Amino acid sequence: MGLARAGALAGVLLLWQLASLWGLPDYILSPLEIARHFVAALGTRELYDNIAASLGRALPGFAIGSAPGAALGLAAGVSRGFDQVFSPAVFLTYPVPKIVMLPIFMIWFGIGDLSKVLIIALACFYPVFINAYYGARSTQKILVWSGLGMGASRDAIFRRVVVLSALPQIFAGLRVSLALSFIVMFAAEMINARSGLGHMIRIAENSLRFDLMYVSLVAIAILGYAGDRLVRFSQGRLLRWQQPSHA
C-alpha cells in the first residue's frame, strides 16, 4: 500500500515536471524548481523564524482546544446532564467556519498572538469533542455491566472502560484537530500577522515572489505530515491492543 501511494505521488510529480517542459504560467513552478528553492531556503534564518512563529501559534491552540474537547466530550457522552448542557451548543455552532470569528477575537483579545491562538483552539475543540462524545457513547454496555457486576466503581469503569473504548475515536479527532490548527493558523496569519508561514504567503503574493509562496506551502505540508505521524505514533504506543489500521 505504501509503495502504491509513493508510486502515485511520483507519477504526479513526473507528469508535472514534464508539463513544465512545454511551458507553464509563471506562477506554476516545476517540482525541481520548487525543490531547489526550498533547499536554498533551508540555509536562511527567515524560514526557521517563520516556522517557529507559526508553531508557536498552532501547537498551543491545538493543545488548548483539544484537551477540554476530549474531557467535555467524554463527560457529555456518559452524563445526560452534561449532554443536555453542552451537546446542543456544540452541534449547533459546529458548522460555522471558525476563522470568521477572528475579527471578533481580535477586538476581545487584541491583534497579537493571543487572538490567533484562541481562534485555533476554538477550531480544534469541535472535532475532538465530537469524536470523544461518540466514542464514549459507543462503549459496549456489556463491558460496563460486567465491570459493575465484578464490583468496580463508576470512576474505575469510566477510566478503564469508557476512556479506553473512546481513545481510538479521540485520536481520530486529534488528527483532524491538528490539521485544522495548521489550516486556521495559516488563514489567520494571512489576515493579520507580521511573521509566520501565512505571512510569507501574503508577502509572496504582494511581491509576486512565487518561489517564496511554494517554499511556505512545502514547509507547512512537511510540518503537517510530521505532526500527523507523531499523533499516529502516539496512538500506536498507547493502543497496542488495537489492530493496526491503514488510514
Protein backbone atom coordinates (compact mmCIF):
# COMPACT_ATOMS: atom_id res chain seq x y z
CA MET A 1 0.00 0.00 0.00
CA GLY A 2 2.86 2.37 0.87
CA LEU A 3 4.59 1.59 -2.43
CA ALA A 4 1.36 2.26 -4.34
CA ARG A 5 0.98 5.68 -2.69
CA ALA A 6 4.62 6.54 -3.32
CA GLY A 7 4.29 5.42 -6.93
CA ALA A 8 1.17 7.53 -7.44
CA LEU A 9 2.87 10.59 -5.94
CA ALA A 10 5.97 10.03 -8.08
CA GLY A 11 3.77 9.72 -11.17
CA VAL A 12 2.02 13.02 -10.45
CA LEU A 13 5.33 14.80 -9.89
CA LEU A 14 6.76 13.32 -13.09
CA LEU A 15 3.77 14.47 -15.14
CA TRP A 16 4.02 17.89 -13.51
CA GLN A 17 7.71 18.11 -14.38
CA LEU A 18 7.08 17.00 -17.97
CA ALA A 19 4.31 19.58 -18.33
CA SER A 20 6.81 22.29 -17.38
CA LEU A 21 8.87 21.38 -20.46
CA TRP A 22 6.00 22.53 -22.68
CA GLY A 23 5.67 25.72 -20.71
CA LEU A 24 3.62 26.64 -17.65
CA PRO A 25 2.42 30.02 -16.34
CA ASP A 26 4.98 31.92 -14.27
CA TYR A 27 3.05 31.23 -11.09
CA ILE A 28 3.31 27.44 -11.53
CA LEU A 29 6.86 26.29 -10.80
CA SER A 30 8.07 22.82 -11.67
CA PRO A 31 8.76 20.30 -8.87
CA LEU A 32 12.51 20.58 -9.44
CA GLU A 33 12.36 24.38 -9.20
CA ILE A 34 10.31 24.16 -6.00
CA ALA A 35 12.79 21.67 -4.53
CA ARG A 36 15.72 23.92 -5.46
CA HIS A 37 14.12 26.99 -3.85
CA PHE A 38 13.17 25.02 -0.73
CA VAL A 39 16.70 23.66 -0.28
CA ALA A 40 18.04 27.20 -0.70
CA ALA A 41 15.56 28.49 1.90
CA LEU A 42 16.79 25.88 4.39
CA GLY A 43 20.03 27.82 4.51
CA THR A 44 18.32 31.03 5.59
CA ARG A 45 17.18 32.10 9.03
CA GLU A 46 13.97 33.63 7.67
CA LEU A 47 12.32 30.26 7.07
CA TYR A 48 13.11 28.93 10.55
CA ASP A 49 11.93 32.13 12.24
CA ASN A 50 8.61 31.95 10.41
CA ILE A 51 8.22 28.23 11.14
CA ALA A 52 8.85 28.91 14.84
CA ALA A 53 6.27 31.72 14.82
CA SER A 54 3.66 29.51 13.16
CA LEU A 55 4.27 26.58 15.51
CA GLY A 56 4.13 28.98 18.44
CA ARG A 57 0.53 29.70 17.44
CA ALA A 58 -0.68 26.38 16.07
CA LEU A 59 0.58 24.00 18.77
CA PRO A 60 -0.67 25.95 21.83
CA GLY A 61 -4.01 26.42 20.08
CA PHE A 62 -4.15 22.70 19.34
CA ALA A 63 -3.43 21.81 22.97
CA ILE A 64 -5.77 24.42 24.47
CA GLY A 65 -8.65 23.35 22.24
CA SER A 66 -8.14 19.58 22.22
CA ALA A 67 -7.77 18.98 25.97
CA PRO A 68 -11.16 20.43 27.02
CA GLY A 69 -12.70 18.99 23.86
CA ALA A 70 -11.75 15.48 24.91
CA ALA A 71 -12.73 16.00 28.56
CA LEU A 72 -16.10 17.60 27.85
CA GLY A 73 -16.85 15.17 25.01
CA LEU A 74 -16.31 12.20 27.31
CA ALA A 75 -18.38 13.84 30.05
CA ALA A 76 -21.25 14.55 27.66
CA GLY A 77 -21.05 11.00 26.33
CA VAL A 78 -21.60 9.41 29.74
CA SER A 79 -23.67 12.03 31.58
CA ARG A 80 -27.14 13.03 30.47
CA GLY A 81 -26.80 16.32 32.34
CA PHE A 82 -23.57 17.27 30.56
CA ASP A 83 -25.08 16.08 27.30
CA GLN A 84 -28.09 18.36 27.64
CA VAL A 85 -25.90 21.34 28.56
CA PHE A 86 -23.02 21.09 26.07
CA SER A 87 -24.08 18.99 23.09
CA PRO A 88 -26.80 21.26 21.64
CA ALA A 89 -24.48 24.28 21.68
CA VAL A 90 -21.58 22.32 20.17
CA PHE A 91 -23.57 20.72 17.36
CA LEU A 92 -25.40 23.97 16.62
CA THR A 93 -22.21 26.04 16.22
CA TYR A 94 -20.02 23.33 14.66
CA PRO A 95 -20.86 24.20 11.00
CA VAL A 96 -19.85 27.86 11.47
CA PRO A 97 -16.37 28.48 9.95
CA LYS A 98 -14.28 29.45 12.96
CA ILE A 99 -11.99 31.80 11.04
CA VAL A 100 -14.92 34.23 10.62
CA MET A 101 -14.72 34.79 14.39
CA LEU A 102 -11.16 36.15 14.13
CA PRO A 103 -12.19 39.84 13.85
CA ILE A 104 -14.30 39.45 16.99
CA PHE A 105 -11.47 37.71 18.82
CA MET A 106 -9.11 40.49 17.75
CA ILE A 107 -11.48 43.03 19.33
CA TRP A 108 -11.74 40.98 22.51
CA PHE A 109 -8.13 39.84 22.90
CA GLY A 110 -6.12 42.26 20.75
CA ILE A 111 -4.38 41.87 17.42
CA GLY A 112 -1.44 39.90 18.83
CA ASP A 113 -0.85 36.18 19.02
CA LEU A 114 -3.42 35.57 21.79
CA SER A 115 -6.39 36.08 19.46
CA LYS A 116 -4.82 33.77 16.86
CA VAL A 117 -4.08 31.05 19.41
CA LEU A 118 -7.62 31.20 20.77
CA ILE A 119 -9.27 31.05 17.34
CA ILE A 120 -7.12 27.99 16.58
CA ALA A 121 -8.15 26.49 19.92
CA LEU A 122 -11.81 27.08 19.08
CA ALA A 123 -11.43 25.28 15.76
CA CYS A 124 -9.59 22.37 17.40
CA PHE A 125 -12.17 21.94 20.16
CA TYR A 126 -15.00 20.70 17.94
CA PRO A 127 -13.59 17.59 16.20
CA VAL A 128 -12.11 16.28 19.45
CA PHE A 129 -15.32 16.91 21.40
CA ILE A 130 -17.48 15.20 18.78
CA ASN A 131 -15.19 12.18 18.45
CA ALA A 132 -14.84 11.81 22.22
CA TYR A 133 -18.61 12.15 22.59
CA TYR A 134 -19.45 9.41 20.11
CA GLY A 135 -16.53 7.31 21.31
CA ALA A 136 -17.92 7.34 24.84
CA ARG A 137 -21.47 6.64 23.66
CA SER A 138 -20.29 3.70 21.57
CA THR A 139 -18.86 1.88 24.58
CA GLN A 140 -20.34 -1.61 24.71
CA LYS A 141 -22.84 -1.77 27.53
CA ILE A 142 -21.91 -5.35 28.29
CA LEU A 143 -18.41 -4.17 29.28
CA VAL A 144 -19.89 -1.62 31.67
CA TRP A 145 -22.32 -4.13 33.18
CA SER A 146 -19.58 -6.71 33.54
CA GLY A 147 -17.34 -4.22 35.36
CA LEU A 148 -20.13 -3.15 37.68
CA GLY A 149 -21.03 -6.78 38.31
CA MET A 150 -17.47 -7.50 39.40
CA GLY A 151 -17.57 -4.66 41.91
CA ALA A 152 -15.73 -1.95 40.01
CA SER A 153 -16.57 1.64 40.95
CA ARG A 154 -18.10 4.04 38.46
CA ASP A 155 -14.86 6.03 38.37
CA ALA A 156 -12.92 2.88 37.51
CA ILE A 157 -15.46 1.98 34.82
CA PHE A 158 -15.08 5.43 33.33
CA ARG A 159 -11.27 5.35 33.34
CA ARG A 160 -10.69 1.73 32.35
CA VAL A 161 -13.66 1.01 30.11
CA VAL A 162 -15.21 4.18 28.69
CA VAL A 163 -12.00 6.15 28.14
CA LEU A 164 -10.14 3.19 26.65
CA SER A 165 -13.08 2.41 24.40
CA ALA A 166 -13.24 6.02 23.20
CA LEU A 167 -9.48 6.50 22.69
CA PRO A 168 -9.38 5.34 19.04
CA GLN A 169 -12.03 7.90 18.10
CA ILE A 170 -10.38 10.56 20.25
CA PHE A 171 -7.14 10.05 18.34
CA ALA A 172 -9.07 10.33 15.08
CA GLY A 173 -10.40 13.65 16.34
CA LEU A 174 -6.89 14.74 17.34
CA ARG A 175 -5.64 14.10 13.80
CA VAL A 176 -8.43 16.23 12.35
CA SER A 177 -7.84 18.86 15.03
CA LEU A 178 -4.11 19.05 14.30
CA ALA A 179 -4.78 19.54 10.60
CA LEU A 180 -7.30 22.29 11.42
CA SER A 181 -4.76 24.00 13.68
CA PHE A 182 -2.43 24.47 10.72
CA ILE A 183 -5.25 25.49 8.36
CA VAL A 184 -6.67 28.12 10.71
CA MET A 185 -3.17 29.29 11.67
CA PHE A 186 -2.34 29.78 8.01
CA ALA A 187 -5.53 31.75 7.37
CA ALA A 188 -5.10 33.88 10.49
CA GLU A 189 -1.51 34.75 9.58
CA MET A 190 -2.56 35.76 6.08
CA ILE A 191 -5.17 38.12 7.51
CA ASN A 192 -3.08 39.89 10.12
CA ALA A 193 0.41 38.83 11.18
CA ARG A 194 3.98 40.06 10.93
CA SER A 195 5.56 36.62 10.99
CA GLY A 196 4.74 33.00 10.21
CA LEU A 197 4.29 30.90 7.11
CA GLY A 198 0.95 32.51 6.29
CA HIS A 199 2.67 35.89 6.48
CA MET A 200 5.25 34.58 3.99
CA ILE A 201 2.43 33.71 1.59
CA ARG A 202 0.99 37.23 1.85
CA ILE A 203 4.41 38.79 1.25
CA ALA A 204 4.95 36.47 -1.72
CA GLU A 205 1.58 37.46 -3.17
CA ASN A 206 2.23 41.17 -2.82
CA SER A 207 5.72 40.95 -4.33
CA LEU A 208 4.97 38.20 -6.88
CA ARG A 209 7.59 36.00 -5.21
CA PHE A 210 6.18 32.68 -6.36
CA ASP A 211 9.28 30.85 -5.12
CA LEU A 212 8.60 32.11 -1.59
CA MET A 213 4.98 31.03 -1.87
CA TYR A 214 5.89 27.45 -2.74
CA VAL A 215 8.57 27.33 -0.04
CA SER A 216 5.94 28.26 2.53
CA LEU A 217 3.46 25.69 1.20
CA VAL A 218 6.07 22.91 1.23
CA ALA A 219 7.09 23.84 4.78
CA ILE A 220 3.52 23.71 6.09
CA ALA A 221 2.93 20.41 4.28
CA ILE A 222 6.01 18.86 5.89
CA LEU A 223 5.06 20.15 9.34
CA GLY A 224 1.50 18.89 8.98
CA TYR A 225 2.63 15.47 7.82
CA ALA A 226 5.21 15.19 10.61
CA GLY A 227 2.61 16.19 13.20
CA ASP A 228 0.14 13.62 11.89
CA ARG A 229 2.81 10.90 12.00
CA LEU A 230 3.59 11.87 15.60
CA VAL A 231 -0.07 11.57 16.61
CA ARG A 232 -0.31 8.19 14.89
CA PHE A 233 2.88 7.04 16.60
CA SER A 234 1.46 8.06 19.98
CA GLN A 235 -1.75 6.22 19.16
CA GLY A 236 0.19 3.08 18.29
CA ARG A 237 2.13 3.25 21.56
CA LEU A 238 -0.94 3.83 23.72
CA LEU A 239 -3.27 1.47 21.88
CA ARG A 240 -1.11 -1.55 21.24
CA TRP A 241 -4.13 -3.75 21.85
CA GLN A 242 -5.89 -2.23 18.86
CA GLN A 243 -5.45 -3.79 15.44
CA PRO A 244 -3.26 -1.53 13.26
CA SER A 245 -5.22 0.48 10.73
CA HIS A 246 -4.16 1.51 7.25
CA ALA A 247 -5.68 5.00 7.40
